[in-house]
Amino acid sequence: NYDKIFAAIDSKKHLFTPKNDIQKAYGRVIVLADAAHAFGAQWH
């Protein structure tokens, strides 16, 4: 449920301090999905 994951991130966005330009571009905690099992899956 990535809606809930991004909501959790947004709720703590004030804590995020980027260390470099790529982190600054996102401006929040980044989500990296381990979808090792999920190639071809769909959601919403």
Full PDB file with SEQRES, HELIX, SHEET, SSBOND, CRYST1, ORIGX, SCALE, CONECT and MASTER records, all heavy atoms in Angstrom:
SEQRES   1 A   44  ASN TYR ASP LYS ILE PHE ALA ALA ILE ASP SER LYS LYS          
SEQRES   2 A   44  HIS LEU PHE THR PRO LYS ASN ASP ILE GLN LYS ALA TYR          
SEQRES   3 A   44  GLY ARG VAL ILE VAL LEU ALA ASP ALA ALA HIS ALA PHE          
SEQRES   4 A   44  GLY ALA GLN TRP HIS                                          
HELIX    1 AA1 TYR A    2  SER A   11  1                                  10    
HELIX    2 AA2 LYS A   13  LEU A   15  5                                   3    
HELIX    3 AA3 ASP A   21  TYR A   26  1                                   6    
CRYST1    1.000    1.000    1.000  90.00  90.00  90.00 P 1           1          
ORIGX1      1.000000  0.000000  0.000000        0.00000                         
ORIGX2      0.000000  1.000000  0.000000        0.00000                         
ORIGX3      0.000000  0.000000  1.000000        0.00000                         
SCALE1      1.000000  0.000000  0.000000        0.00000                         
SCALE2      0.000000  1.000000  0.000000        0.00000                         
SCALE3      0.000000  0.000000  1.000000        0.00000                         
ATOM      1  N   ASN A   1       0.860  -1.189   0.000  1.00  0.00           N  
ATOM      2  CA  ASN A   1       0.000   0.000   0.000  1.00  0.00           C  
ATOM      3  C   ASN A   1       0.897   1.241   0.000  1.00  0.00           C  
ATOM      4  O   ASN A   1       1.263   1.760   1.050  1.00  0.00           O  
ATOM      5  CB  ASN A   1      -0.923   0.002   1.222  1.00  0.00           C  
ATOM      6  CG  ASN A   1      -1.976   1.088   1.127  1.00  0.00           C  
ATOM      7  OD1 ASN A   1      -1.748   2.166   0.564  1.00  0.00           O  
ATOM      8  ND2 ASN A   1      -3.147   0.816   1.673  1.00  0.00           N  
ATOM      9  N   TYR A   2       1.236   1.705  -1.191  1.00  0.00           N  
ATOM     10  CA  TYR A   2       2.165   2.835  -1.299  1.00  0.00           C  
ATOM     11  C   TYR A   2       1.518   4.155  -0.913  1.00  0.00           C  
ATOM     12  O   TYR A   2       2.227   5.099  -0.559  1.00  0.00           O  
ATOM     13  CB  TYR A   2       2.778   2.881  -2.697  1.00  0.00           C  
ATOM     14  CG  TYR A   2       3.824   1.806  -2.861  1.00  0.00           C  
ATOM     15  CD1 TYR A   2       3.492   0.546  -3.357  1.00  0.00           C  
ATOM     16  CD2 TYR A   2       5.131   2.024  -2.452  1.00  0.00           C  
ATOM     17  CE1 TYR A   2       4.440  -0.461  -3.458  1.00  0.00           C  
ATOM     18  CE2 TYR A   2       6.084   1.027  -2.548  1.00  0.00           C  
ATOM     19  CZ  TYR A   2       5.732  -0.210  -3.050  1.00  0.00           C  
ATOM     20  OH  TYR A   2       6.679  -1.200  -3.125  1.00  0.00           O  
ATOM     21  N   ASP A   3       0.200   4.231  -0.934  1.00  0.00           N  
ATOM     22  CA  ASP A   3      -0.461   5.438  -0.429  1.00  0.00           C  
ATOM     23  C   ASP A   3      -0.104   5.642   1.041  1.00  0.00           C  
ATOM     24  O   ASP A   3       0.217   6.760   1.470  1.00  0.00           O  
ATOM     25  CB  ASP A   3      -1.983   5.328  -0.577  1.00  0.00           C  
ATOM     26  CG  ASP A   3      -2.455   5.544  -2.008  1.00  0.00           C  
ATOM     27  OD1 ASP A   3      -1.651   6.026  -2.834  1.00  0.00           O  
ATOM     28  OD2 ASP A   3      -3.628   5.231  -2.296  1.00  0.00           O  
ATOM     29  N   LYS A   4      -0.162   4.565   1.807  1.00  0.00           N  
ATOM     30  CA  LYS A   4       0.150   4.656   3.240  1.00  0.00           C  
ATOM     31  C   LYS A   4       1.640   4.896   3.467  1.00  0.00           C  
ATOM     32  O   LYS A   4       2.019   5.599   4.411  1.00  0.00           O  
ATOM     33  CB  LYS A   4      -0.318   3.395   3.962  1.00  0.00           C  
ATOM     34  CG  LYS A   4      -1.832   3.276   4.034  1.00  0.00           C  
ATOM     35  CD  LYS A   4      -2.269   2.093   4.878  1.00  0.00           C  
ATOM     36  CE  LYS A   4      -3.787   2.045   5.002  1.00  0.00           C  
ATOM     37  NZ  LYS A   4      -4.250   0.901   5.833  1.00  0.00           N  
ATOM     38  N   ILE A   5       2.482   4.330   2.611  1.00  0.00           N  
ATOM     39  CA  ILE A   5       3.926   4.546   2.747  1.00  0.00           C  
ATOM     40  C   ILE A   5       4.270   6.012   2.499  1.00  0.00           C  
ATOM     41  O   ILE A   5       4.995   6.635   3.282  1.00  0.00           O  
ATOM     42  CB  ILE A   5       4.696   3.617   1.780  1.00  0.00           C  
ATOM     43  CG1 ILE A   5       4.539   2.158   2.221  1.00  0.00           C  
ATOM     44  CG2 ILE A   5       6.178   3.999   1.724  1.00  0.00           C  
ATOM     45  CD1 ILE A   5       5.039   1.143   1.219  1.00  0.00           C  
ATOM     46  N   PHE A   6       3.737   6.574   1.421  1.00  0.00           N  
ATOM     47  CA  PHE A   6       4.017   7.985   1.124  1.00  0.00           C  
ATOM     48  C   PHE A   6       3.372   8.910   2.156  1.00  0.00           C  
ATOM     49  O   PHE A   6       3.917   9.977   2.466  1.00  0.00           O  
ATOM     50  CB  PHE A   6       3.573   8.331  -0.292  1.00  0.00           C  
ATOM     51  CG  PHE A   6       4.528   7.878  -1.358  1.00  0.00           C  
ATOM     52  CD1 PHE A   6       4.211   6.829  -2.214  1.00  0.00           C  
ATOM     53  CD2 PHE A   6       5.772   8.488  -1.503  1.00  0.00           C  
ATOM     54  CE1 PHE A   6       5.101   6.400  -3.200  1.00  0.00           C  
ATOM     55  CE2 PHE A   6       6.676   8.066  -2.481  1.00  0.00           C  
ATOM     56  CZ  PHE A   6       6.337   7.024  -3.321  1.00  0.00           C  
ATOM     57  N   ALA A   7       2.219   8.499   2.706  1.00  0.00           N  
ATOM     58  CA  ALA A   7       1.587   9.305   3.759  1.00  0.00           C  
ATOM     59  C   ALA A   7       2.468   9.324   5.008  1.00  0.00           C  
ATOM     60  O   ALA A   7       2.613  10.381   5.659  1.00  0.00           O  
ATOM     61  CB  ALA A   7       0.206   8.743   4.090  1.00  0.00           C  
ATOM     62  N   ALA A   8       3.061   8.183   5.346  1.00  0.00           N  
ATOM     63  CA  ALA A   8       3.966   8.124   6.501  1.00  0.00           C  
ATOM     64  C   ALA A   8       5.174   9.030   6.273  1.00  0.00           C  
ATOM     65  O   ALA A   8       5.619   9.746   7.185  1.00  0.00           O  
ATOM     66  CB  ALA A   8       4.413   6.686   6.739  1.00  0.00           C  
ATOM     67  N   ILE A   9       5.696   9.023   5.058  1.00  0.00           N  
ATOM     68  CA  ILE A   9       6.834   9.880   4.717  1.00  0.00           C  
ATOM     69  C   ILE A   9       6.452  11.355   4.820  1.00  0.00           C  
ATOM     70  O   ILE A   9       7.190  12.164   5.396  1.00  0.00           O  
ATOM     71  CB  ILE A   9       7.345   9.542   3.300  1.00  0.00           C  
ATOM     72  CG1 ILE A   9       8.035   8.177   3.305  1.00  0.00           C  
ATOM     73  CG2 ILE A   9       8.288  10.628   2.778  1.00  0.00           C  
ATOM     74  CD1 ILE A   9       8.360   7.648   1.930  1.00  0.00           C  
ATOM     75  N   ASP A  10       5.297  11.705   4.277  1.00  0.00           N  
ATOM     76  CA  ASP A  10       4.857  13.103   4.322  1.00  0.00           C  
ATOM     77  C   ASP A  10       4.659  13.588   5.750  1.00  0.00           C  
ATOM     78  O   ASP A  10       4.919  14.765   6.061  1.00  0.00           O  
ATOM     79  CB  ASP A  10       3.553  13.267   3.530  1.00  0.00           C  
ATOM     80  CG  ASP A  10       3.770  13.200   2.020  1.00  0.00           C  
ATOM     81  OD1 ASP A  10       4.933  13.353   1.587  1.00  0.00           O  
ATOM     82  OD2 ASP A  10       2.794  12.986   1.281  1.00  0.00           O  
ATOM     83  N   SER A  11       4.220  12.681   6.625  1.00  0.00           N  
ATOM     84  CA  SER A  11       3.983  13.075   8.017  1.00  0.00           C  
ATOM     85  C   SER A  11       5.277  13.416   8.748  1.00  0.00           C  
ATOM     86  O   SER A  11       5.247  14.104   9.776  1.00  0.00           O  
ATOM     87  CB  SER A  11       3.247  11.957   8.765  1.00  0.00           C  
ATOM     88  OG  SER A  11       4.103  10.856   9.040  1.00  0.00           O  
ATOM     89  N   LYS A  12       6.415  12.943   8.214  1.00  0.00           N  
ATOM     90  CA  LYS A  12       7.717  13.217   8.847  1.00  0.00           C  
ATOM     91  C   LYS A  12       8.648  14.000   7.919  1.00  0.00           C  
ATOM     92  O   LYS A  12       9.866  14.007   8.102  1.00  0.00           O  
ATOM     93  CB  LYS A  12       8.386  11.892   9.246  1.00  0.00           C  
ATOM     94  CG  LYS A  12       7.628  11.107  10.318  1.00  0.00           C  
ATOM     95  CD  LYS A  12       7.579  11.863  11.629  1.00  0.00           C  
ATOM     96  CE  LYS A  12       6.866  11.066  12.715  1.00  0.00           C  
ATOM     97  NZ  LYS A  12       7.682   9.956  13.223  1.00  0.00           N  
ATOM     98  N   LYS A  13       8.057  14.652   6.929  1.00  0.00           N  
ATOM     99  CA  LYS A  13       8.856  15.363   5.927  1.00  0.00           C  
ATOM    100  C   LYS A  13       9.740  16.433   6.556  1.00  0.00           C  
ATOM    101  O   LYS A  13      10.845  16.719   6.063  1.00  0.00           O  
ATOM    102  CB  LYS A  13       7.930  15.978   4.878  1.00  0.00           C  
ATOM    103  CG  LYS A  13       8.622  16.457   3.623  1.00  0.00           C  
ATOM    104  CD  LYS A  13       7.609  16.875   2.566  1.00  0.00           C  
ATOM    105  CE  LYS A  13       8.296  17.342   1.291  1.00  0.00           C  
ATOM    106  NZ  LYS A  13       7.312  17.721   0.240  1.00  0.00           N  
ATOM    107  N   HIS A  14       9.285  17.017   7.655  1.00  0.00           N  
ATOM    108  CA  HIS A  14      10.045  18.087   8.317  1.00  0.00           C  
ATOM    109  C   HIS A  14      11.367  17.595   8.894  1.00  0.00           C  
ATOM    110  O   HIS A  14      12.265  18.402   9.171  1.00  0.00           O  
ATOM    111  CB  HIS A  14       9.199  18.714   9.426  1.00  0.00           C  
ATOM    112  CG  HIS A  14       8.816  17.739  10.510  1.00  0.00           C  
ATOM    113  ND1 HIS A  14       7.802  16.822  10.357  1.00  0.00           N  
ATOM    114  CD2 HIS A  14       9.327  17.549  11.758  1.00  0.00           C  
ATOM    115  CE1 HIS A  14       7.689  16.102  11.467  1.00  0.00           C  
ATOM    116  NE2 HIS A  14       8.598  16.516  12.325  1.00  0.00           N  
ATOM    117  N   LEU A  15      11.499  16.276   9.043  1.00  0.00           N  
ATOM    118  CA  LEU A  15      12.739  15.721   9.604  1.00  0.00           C  
ATOM    119  C   LEU A  15      13.825  15.512   8.543  1.00  0.00           C  
ATOM    120  O   LEU A  15      14.989  15.328   8.880  1.00  0.00           O  
ATOM    121  CB  LEU A  15      12.458  14.374  10.285  1.00  0.00           C  
ATOM    122  CG  LEU A  15      11.554  14.385  11.516  1.00  0.00           C  
ATOM    123  CD1 LEU A  15      11.318  12.953  12.007  1.00  0.00           C  
ATOM    124  CD2 LEU A  15      12.165  15.229  12.624  1.00  0.00           C  
ATOM    125  N   PHE A  16      13.435  15.549   7.274  1.00  0.00           N  
ATOM    126  CA  PHE A  16      14.368  15.174   6.206  1.00  0.00           C  
ATOM    127  C   PHE A  16      15.345  16.298   5.878  1.00  0.00           C  
ATOM    128  O   PHE A  16      14.949  17.432   5.602  1.00  0.00           O  
ATOM    129  CB  PHE A  16      13.577  14.806   4.945  1.00  0.00           C  
ATOM    130  CG  PHE A  16      14.453  14.309   3.813  1.00  0.00           C  
ATOM    131  CD1 PHE A  16      15.007  13.045   3.847  1.00  0.00           C  
ATOM    132  CD2 PHE A  16      14.726  15.131   2.720  1.00  0.00           C  
ATOM    133  CE1 PHE A  16      15.815  12.589   2.809  1.00  0.00           C  
ATOM    134  CE2 PHE A  16      15.520  14.680   1.680  1.00  0.00           C  
ATOM    135  CZ  PHE A  16      16.073  13.404   1.728  1.00  0.00           C  
ATOM    136  N   THR A  17      16.632  15.940   5.907  1.00  0.00           N  
ATOM    137  CA  THR A  17      17.684  16.876   5.518  1.00  0.00           C  
ATOM    138  C   THR A  17      18.518  16.234   4.413  1.00  0.00           C  
ATOM    139  O   THR A  17      19.224  15.248   4.662  1.00  0.00           O  
ATOM    140  CB  THR A  17      18.603  17.220   6.703  1.00  0.00           C  
ATOM    141  OG1 THR A  17      17.813  17.762   7.766  1.00  0.00           O  
ATOM    142  CG2 THR A  17      19.661  18.229   6.292  1.00  0.00           C  
ATOM    143  N   PRO A  18      18.444  16.740   3.183  1.00  0.00           N  
ATOM    144  CA  PRO A  18      19.198  16.122   2.081  1.00  0.00           C  
ATOM    145  C   PRO A  18      20.701  16.291   2.238  1.00  0.00           C  
ATOM    146  O   PRO A  18      21.169  17.313   2.748  1.00  0.00           O  
ATOM    147  CB  PRO A  18      18.685  16.871   0.847  1.00  0.00           C  
ATOM    148  CG  PRO A  18      18.189  18.176   1.372  1.00  0.00           C  
ATOM    149  CD  PRO A  18      17.664  17.903   2.745  1.00  0.00           C  
ATOM    150  N   LYS A  19      21.438  15.271   1.791  1.00  0.00           N  
ATOM    151  CA  LYS A  19      22.897  15.290   1.872  1.00  0.00           C  
ATOM    152  C   LYS A  19      23.543  15.680   0.553  1.00  0.00           C  
ATOM    153  O   LYS A  19      24.743  15.957   0.515  1.00  0.00           O  
ATOM    154  CB  LYS A  19      23.419  13.898   2.280  1.00  0.00           C  
ATOM    155  CG  LYS A  19      23.110  13.500   3.710  1.00  0.00           C  
ATOM    156  CD  LYS A  19      23.476  12.037   3.970  1.00  0.00           C  
ATOM    157  CE  LYS A  19      24.933  11.737   3.699  1.00  0.00           C  
ATOM    158  NZ  LYS A  19      25.268  10.318   4.020  1.00  0.00           N  
ATOM    159  N   ASN A  20      22.774  15.648  -0.540  1.00  0.00           N  
ATOM    160  CA  ASN A  20      23.349  15.907  -1.862  1.00  0.00           C  
ATOM    161  C   ASN A  20      22.249  16.394  -2.799  1.00  0.00           C  
ATOM    162  O   ASN A  20      21.076  16.497  -2.411  1.00  0.00           O  
ATOM    163  CB  ASN A  20      24.037  14.647  -2.405  1.00  0.00           C  
ATOM    164  CG  ASN A  20      23.108  13.427  -2.358  1.00  0.00           C  
ATOM    165  OD1 ASN A  20      21.916  13.532  -2.638  1.00  0.00           O  
ATOM    166  ND2 ASN A  20      23.654  12.276  -1.994  1.00  0.00           N  
ATOM    167  N   ASP A  21      22.611  16.660  -4.036  1.00  0.00           N  
ATOM    168  CA  ASP A  21      21.663  17.238  -4.988  1.00  0.00           C  
ATOM    169  C   ASP A  21      20.520  16.290  -5.342  1.00  0.00           C  
ATOM    170  O   ASP A  21      19.375  16.728  -5.516  1.00  0.00           O  
ATOM    171  CB  ASP A  21      22.391  17.664  -6.266  1.00  0.00           C  
ATOM    172  CG  ASP A  21      23.263  18.895  -6.054  1.00  0.00           C  
ATOM    173  OD1 ASP A  21      23.042  19.602  -5.043  1.00  0.00           O  
ATOM    174  OD2 ASP A  21      24.161  19.143  -6.887  1.00  0.00           O  
ATOM    175  N   ILE A  22      20.810  15.000  -5.473  1.00  0.00           N  
ATOM    176  CA  ILE A  22      19.745  14.071  -5.859  1.00  0.00           C  
ATOM    177  C   ILE A  22      18.733  13.911  -4.721  1.00  0.00           C  
ATOM    178  O   ILE A  22      17.519  13.875  -4.951  1.00  0.00           O  
ATOM    179  CB  ILE A  22      20.308  12.706  -6.324  1.00  0.00           C  
ATOM    180  CG1 ILE A  22      19.193  11.859  -6.957  1.00  0.00           C  
ATOM    181  CG2 ILE A  22      21.011  11.951  -5.209  1.00  0.00           C  
ATOM    182  CD1 ILE A  22      19.696  10.625  -7.681  1.00  0.00           C  
ATOM    183  N   GLN A  23      19.212  13.871  -3.486  1.00  0.00           N  
ATOM    184  CA  GLN A  23      18.285  13.832  -2.358  1.00  0.00           C  
ATOM    185  C   GLN A  23      17.487  15.134  -2.273  1.00  0.00           C  
ATOM    186  O   GLN A  23      16.294  15.132  -1.951  1.00  0.00           O  
ATOM    187  CB  GLN A  23      19.046  13.594  -1.053  1.00  0.00           C  
ATOM    188  CG  GLN A  23      19.646  12.196  -0.923  1.00  0.00           C  
ATOM    189  CD  GLN A  23      20.329  11.975   0.413  1.00  0.00           C  
ATOM    190  OE1 GLN A  23      20.145  12.725   1.363  1.00  0.00           O  
ATOM    191  NE2 GLN A  23      21.135  10.918   0.503  1.00  0.00           N  
ATOM    192  N   LYS A  24      18.136  16.245  -2.596  1.00  0.00           N  
ATOM    193  CA  LYS A  24      17.462  17.548  -2.579  1.00  0.00           C  
ATOM    194  C   LYS A  24      16.340  17.580  -3.615  1.00  0.00           C  
ATOM    195  O   LYS A  24      15.281  18.188  -3.386  1.00  0.00           O  
ATOM    196  CB  LYS A  24      18.483  18.652  -2.859  1.00  0.00           C  
ATOM    197  CG  LYS A  24      17.964  20.071  -2.605  1.00  0.00           C  
ATOM    198  CD  LYS A  24      19.054  21.109  -2.899  1.00  0.00           C  
ATOM    199  CE  LYS A  24      20.272  20.918  -1.984  1.00  0.00           C  
ATOM    200  NZ  LYS A  24      21.317  21.943  -2.252  1.00  0.00           N  
ATOM    201  N   ALA A  25      16.561  16.937  -4.764  1.00  0.00           N  
ATOM    202  CA  ALA A  25      15.534  16.924  -5.812  1.00  0.00           C  
ATOM    203  C   ALA A  25      14.264  16.218  -5.336  1.00  0.00           C  
ATOM    204  O   ALA A  25      13.154  16.617  -5.702  1.00  0.00           O  
ATOM    205  CB  ALA A  25      16.072  16.241  -7.065  1.00  0.00           C  
ATOM    206  N   TYR A  26      14.431  15.184  -4.514  1.00  0.00           N  
ATOM    207  CA  TYR A  26      13.259  14.472  -3.977  1.00  0.00           C  
ATOM    208  C   TYR A  26      12.649  15.231  -2.805  1.00  0.00           C  
ATOM    209  O   TYR A  26      11.425  15.257  -2.646  1.00  0.00           O  
ATOM    210  CB  TYR A  26      13.642  13.051  -3.571  1.00  0.00           C  
ATOM    211  CG  TYR A  26      13.784  12.124  -4.759  1.00  0.00           C  
ATOM    212  CD1 TYR A  26      14.993  12.007  -5.430  1.00  0.00           C  
ATOM    213  CD2 TYR A  26      12.702  11.393  -5.232  1.00  0.00           C  
ATOM    214  CE1 TYR A  26      15.129  11.180  -6.538  1.00  0.00           C  
ATOM    215  CE2 TYR A  26      12.818  10.565  -6.335  1.00  0.00           C  
ATOM    216  CZ  TYR A  26      14.027  10.466  -6.983  1.00  0.00           C  
ATOM    217  OH  TYR A  26      14.146   9.662  -8.085  1.00  0.00           O  
ATOM    218  N   GLY A  27      13.472  15.808  -1.962  1.00  0.00           N  
ATOM    219  CA  GLY A  27      12.983  16.634  -0.864  1.00  0.00           C  
ATOM    220  C   GLY A  27      12.278  15.874   0.241  1.00  0.00           C  
ATOM    221  O   GLY A  27      11.550  16.471   1.045  1.00  0.00           O  
ATOM    222  N   ARG A  28      12.467  14.584   0.291  1.00  0.00           N  
ATOM    223  CA  ARG A  28      11.830  13.729   1.305  1.00  0.00           C  
ATOM    224  C   ARG A  28      12.532  12.374   1.299  1.00  0.00           C  
ATOM    225  O   ARG A  28      13.406  12.115   0.461  1.00  0.00           O  
ATOM    226  CB  ARG A  28      10.341  13.533   0.985  1.00  0.00           C  
ATOM    227  CG  ARG A  28      10.116  12.996  -0.412  1.00  0.00           C  
ATOM    228  CD  ARG A  28       8.737  12.422  -0.634  1.00  0.00           C  
ATOM    229  NE  ARG A  28       8.497  12.106  -2.040  1.00  0.00           N  
ATOM    230  CZ  ARG A  28       8.985  11.047  -2.684  1.00  0.00           C  
ATOM    231  NH1 ARG A  28       9.781  10.189  -2.045  1.00  0.00           N  
ATOM    232  NH2 ARG A  28       8.711  10.850  -3.958  1.00  0.00           N  
ATOM    233  N   VAL A  29      12.131  11.521   2.230  1.00  0.00           N  
ATOM    234  CA  VAL A  29      12.632  10.147   2.237  1.00  0.00           C  
ATOM    235  C   VAL A  29      12.233   9.466   0.925  1.00  0.00           C  
ATOM    236  O   VAL A  29      11.110   9.625   0.437  1.00  0.00           O  
ATOM    237  CB  VAL A  29      12.058   9.368   3.444  1.00  0.00           C  
ATOM    238  CG1 VAL A  29      12.425   7.895   3.361  1.00  0.00           C  
ATOM    239  CG2 VAL A  29      12.565   9.969   4.751  1.00  0.00           C  
ATOM    240  N   ILE A  30      13.155   8.720   0.347  1.00  0.00           N  
ATOM    241  CA  ILE A  30      12.960   8.090  -0.962  1.00  0.00           C  
ATOM    242  C   ILE A  30      12.460   6.655  -0.778  1.00  0.00           C  
ATOM    243  O   ILE A  30      12.877   5.952   0.144  1.00  0.00           O  
ATOM    244  CB  ILE A  30      14.285   8.122  -1.754  1.00  0.00           C  
ATOM    245  CG1 ILE A  30      14.629   9.589  -2.089  1.00  0.00           C  
ATOM    246  CG2 ILE A  30      14.198   7.286  -3.030  1.00  0.00           C  
ATOM    247  CD1 ILE A  30      16.064   9.805  -2.492  1.00  0.00           C  
ATOM    248  N   VAL A  31      11.575   6.222  -1.668  1.00  0.00           N  
ATOM    249  CA  VAL A  31      11.001   4.873  -1.592  1.00  0.00           C  
ATOM    250  C   VAL A  31      11.621   3.989  -2.675  1.00  0.00           C  
ATOM    251  O   VAL A  31      11.499   4.270  -3.870  1.00  0.00           O  
ATOM    252  CB  VAL A  31       9.470   4.901  -1.757  1.00  0.00           C  
ATOM    253  CG1 VAL A  31       8.902   3.482  -1.672  1.00  0.00           C  
ATOM    254  CG2 VAL A  31       8.838   5.783  -0.687  1.00  0.00           C  
ATOM    255  N   LEU A  32      12.284   2.949  -2.223  1.00  0.00           N  
ATOM    256  CA  LEU A  32      12.898   1.946  -3.099  1.00  0.00           C  
ATOM    257  C   LEU A  32      12.167   0.628  -2.877  1.00  0.00           C  
ATOM    258  O   LEU A  32      12.295   0.014  -1.817  1.00  0.00           O  
ATOM    259  CB  LEU A  32      14.390   1.798  -2.774  1.00  0.00           C  
ATOM    260  CG  LEU A  32      15.114   0.560  -3.310  1.00  0.00           C  
ATOM    261  CD1 LEU A  32      15.040   0.467  -4.828  1.00  0.00           C  
ATOM    262  CD2 LEU A  32      16.581   0.562  -2.839  1.00  0.00           C  
ATOM    263  N   ALA A  33      11.388   0.189  -3.843  1.00  0.00           N  
ATOM    264  CA  ALA A  33      10.593  -1.030  -3.691  1.00  0.00           C  
ATOM    265  C   ALA A  33      11.424  -2.266  -3.994  1.00  0.00           C  
ATOM    266  O   ALA A  33      12.062  -2.356  -5.045  1.00  0.00           O  
ATOM    267  CB  ALA A  33       9.386  -0.990  -4.624  1.00  0.00           C  
ATOM    268  N   ASP A  34      11.398  -3.224  -3.054  1.00  0.00           N  
ATOM    269  CA  ASP A  34      11.915  -4.553  -3.343  1.00  0.00           C  
ATOM    270  C   ASP A  34      10.769  -5.326  -3.986  1.00  0.00           C  
ATOM    271  O   ASP A  34       9.934  -5.923  -3.306  1.00  0.00           O  
ATOM    272  CB  ASP A  34      12.393  -5.241  -2.067  1.00  0.00           C  
ATOM    273  CG  ASP A  34      12.949  -6.638  -2.341  1.00  0.00           C  
ATOM    274  OD1 ASP A  34      12.774  -7.142  -3.459  1.00  0.00           O  
ATOM    275  OD2 ASP A  34      13.545  -7.232  -1.413  1.00  0.00           O  
ATOM    276  N   ALA A  35      10.731  -5.270  -5.308  1.00  0.00           N  
ATOM    277  CA  ALA A  35       9.684  -5.948  -6.079  1.00  0.00           C  
ATOM    278  C   ALA A  35      10.265  -7.181  -6.762  1.00  0.00           C  
ATOM    279  O   ALA A  35       9.886  -7.516  -7.887  1.00  0.00           O  
ATOM    280  CB  ALA A  35       9.080  -4.993  -7.105  1.00  0.00           C  
ATOM    281  N   ALA A  36      11.179  -7.851  -6.073  1.00  0.00           N  
ATOM    282  CA  ALA A  36      11.807  -9.056  -6.623  1.00  0.00           C  
ATOM    283  C   ALA A  36      10.760 -10.050  -7.111  1.00  0.00           C  
ATOM    284  O   ALA A  36      10.963 -10.741  -8.118  1.00  0.00           O  
ATOM    285  CB  ALA A  36      12.701  -9.707  -5.564  1.00  0.00           C  
ATOM    286  N   HIS A  37       9.610 -10.109  -6.411  1.00  0.00           N  
ATOM    287  CA  HIS A  37       8.550 -11.066  -6.742  1.00  0.00           C  
ATOM    288  C   HIS A  37       7.500 -10.503  -7.692  1.00  0.00           C  
ATOM    289  O   HIS A  37       6.642 -11.263  -8.160  1.00  0.00           O  
ATOM    290  CB  HIS A  37       7.810 -11.482  -5.461  1.00  0.00           C  
ATOM    291  CG  HIS A  37       8.632 -12.180  -4.453  1.00  0.00           C  
ATOM    292  ND1 HIS A  37       8.176 -12.471  -3.182  1.00  0.00           N  
ATOM    293  CD2 HIS A  37       9.894 -12.669  -4.495  1.00  0.00           C  
ATOM    294  CE1 HIS A  37       9.115 -13.094  -2.489  1.00  0.00           C  
ATOM    295  NE2 HIS A  37      10.172 -13.206  -3.267  1.00  0.00           N  
ATOM    296  N   ALA A  38       7.508  -9.206  -7.945  1.00  0.00           N  
ATOM    297  CA  ALA A  38       6.290  -8.539  -8.427  1.00  0.00           C  
ATOM    298  C   ALA A  38       6.341  -8.021  -9.860  1.00  0.00           C  
ATOM    299  O   ALA A  38       5.547  -7.153 -10.225  1.00  0.00           O  
ATOM    300  CB  ALA A  38       5.935  -7.401  -7.473  1.00  0.00           C  
ATOM    301  N   PHE A  39       7.218  -8.512 -10.688  1.00  0.00           N  
ATOM    302  CA  PHE A  39       7.265  -8.048 -12.071  1.00  0.00           C  
ATOM    303  C   PHE A  39       5.951  -8.410 -12.772  1.00  0.00           C  
ATOM    304  O   PHE A  39       5.569  -9.579 -12.839  1.00  0.00           O  
ATOM    305  CB  PHE A  39       8.450  -8.671 -12.817  1.00  0.00           C  
ATOM    306  CG  PHE A  39       8.690  -8.084 -14.178  1.00  0.00           C  
ATOM    307  CD1 PHE A  39       9.136  -6.786 -14.316  1.00  0.00           C  
ATOM    308  CD2 PHE A  39       8.474  -8.830 -15.323  1.00  0.00           C  
ATOM    309  CE1 PHE A  39       9.362  -6.228 -15.565  1.00  0.00           C  
ATOM    310  CE2 PHE A  39       8.695  -8.289 -16.584  1.00  0.00           C  
ATOM    311  CZ  PHE A  39       9.143  -6.982 -16.695  1.00  0.00           C  
ATOM    312  N   GLY A  40       5.256  -7.392 -13.270  1.00  0.00           N  
ATOM    313  CA  GLY A  40       3.973  -7.611 -13.929  1.00  0.00           C  
ATOM    314  C   GLY A  40       2.769  -7.350 -13.053  1.00  0.00           C  
ATOM    315  O   GLY A  40       1.636  -7.404 -13.531  1.00  0.00           O  
ATOM    316  N   ALA A  41       3.005  -7.062 -11.762  1.00  0.00           N  
ATOM    317  CA  ALA A  41       1.890  -6.763 -10.866  1.00  0.00           C  
ATOM    318  C   ALA A  41       1.349  -5.362 -11.135  1.00  0.00           C  
ATOM    319  O   ALA A  41       2.050  -4.497 -11.680  1.00  0.00           O  
ATOM    320  CB  ALA A  41       2.340  -6.882  -9.412  1.00  0.00           C  
ATOM    321  N   GLN A  42       0.100  -5.131 -10.735  1.00  0.00           N  
ATOM    322  CA  GLN A  42      -0.546  -3.834 -10.911  1.00  0.00           C  
ATOM    323  C   GLN A  42      -1.206  -3.402  -9.603  1.00  0.00           C  
ATOM    324  O   GLN A  42      -1.628  -4.236  -8.805  1.00  0.00           O  
ATOM    325  CB  GLN A  42      -1.610  -3.902 -12.011  1.00  0.00           C  
ATOM    326  CG  GLN A  42      -1.068  -4.288 -13.377  1.00  0.00           C  
ATOM    327  CD  GLN A  42      -2.169  -4.408 -14.412  1.00  0.00           C  
ATOM    328  OE1 GLN A  42      -3.094  -3.598 -14.456  1.00  0.00           O  
ATOM    329  NE2 GLN A  42      -2.078  -5.428 -15.248  1.00  0.00           N  
ATOM    330  N   TRP A  43      -1.300  -2.090  -9.417  1.00  0.00           N  
ATOM    331  CA  TRP A  43      -1.896  -1.532  -8.206  1.00  0.00           C  
ATOM    332  C   TRP A  43      -2.543  -0.193  -8.542  1.00  0.00           C  
ATOM    333  O   TRP A  43      -1.882   0.698  -9.068  1.00  0.00           O  
ATOM    334  CB  TRP A  43      -0.810  -1.363  -7.139  1.00  0.00           C  
ATOM    335  CG  TRP A  43      -1.277  -0.916  -5.789  1.00  0.00           C  
ATOM    336  CD1 TRP A  43      -1.875  -1.688  -4.820  1.00  0.00           C  
ATOM    337  CD2 TRP A  43      -1.161   0.394  -5.233  1.00  0.00           C  
ATOM    338  NE1 TRP A  43      -2.131  -0.931  -3.707  1.00  0.00           N  
ATOM    339  CE2 TRP A  43      -1.718   0.356  -3.924  1.00  0.00           C  
ATOM    340  CE3 TRP A  43      -0.667   1.605  -5.707  1.00  0.00           C  
ATOM    341  CZ2 TRP A  43      -1.767   1.471  -3.100  1.00  0.00           C  
ATOM    342  CZ3 TRP A  43      -0.717   2.725  -4.886  1.00  0.00           C  
ATOM    343  CH2 TRP A  43      -1.256   2.647  -3.595  1.00  0.00           C  
ATOM    344  N   HIS A  44      -3.828  -0.095  -8.310  1.00  0.00           N  
ATOM    345  CA  HIS A  44      -4.577   1.141  -8.583  1.00  0.00           C  
ATOM    346  C   HIS A  44      -4.361   1.621 -10.026  1.00  0.00           C  
ATOM    347  O   HIS A  44      -4.195   2.822 -10.279  1.00  0.00           O  
ATOM    348  CB  HIS A  44      -4.188   2.237  -7.603  1.00  0.00           C  
ATOM    349  CG  HIS A  44      -4.671   1.987  -6.208  1.00  0.00           C  
ATOM    350  ND1 HIS A  44      -4.727   2.956  -5.246  1.00  0.00           N  
ATOM    351  CD2 HIS A  44      -5.120   0.857  -5.590  1.00  0.00           C  
ATOM    352  CE1 HIS A  44      -5.192   2.449  -4.112  1.00  0.00           C  
ATOM    353  NE2 HIS A  44      -5.435   1.175  -4.303  1.00  0.00           N  
TER     354      HIS A  44                                                      
MASTER        0    0    0    3    0    0    0    6  353    1    0    4          
END                                                                             
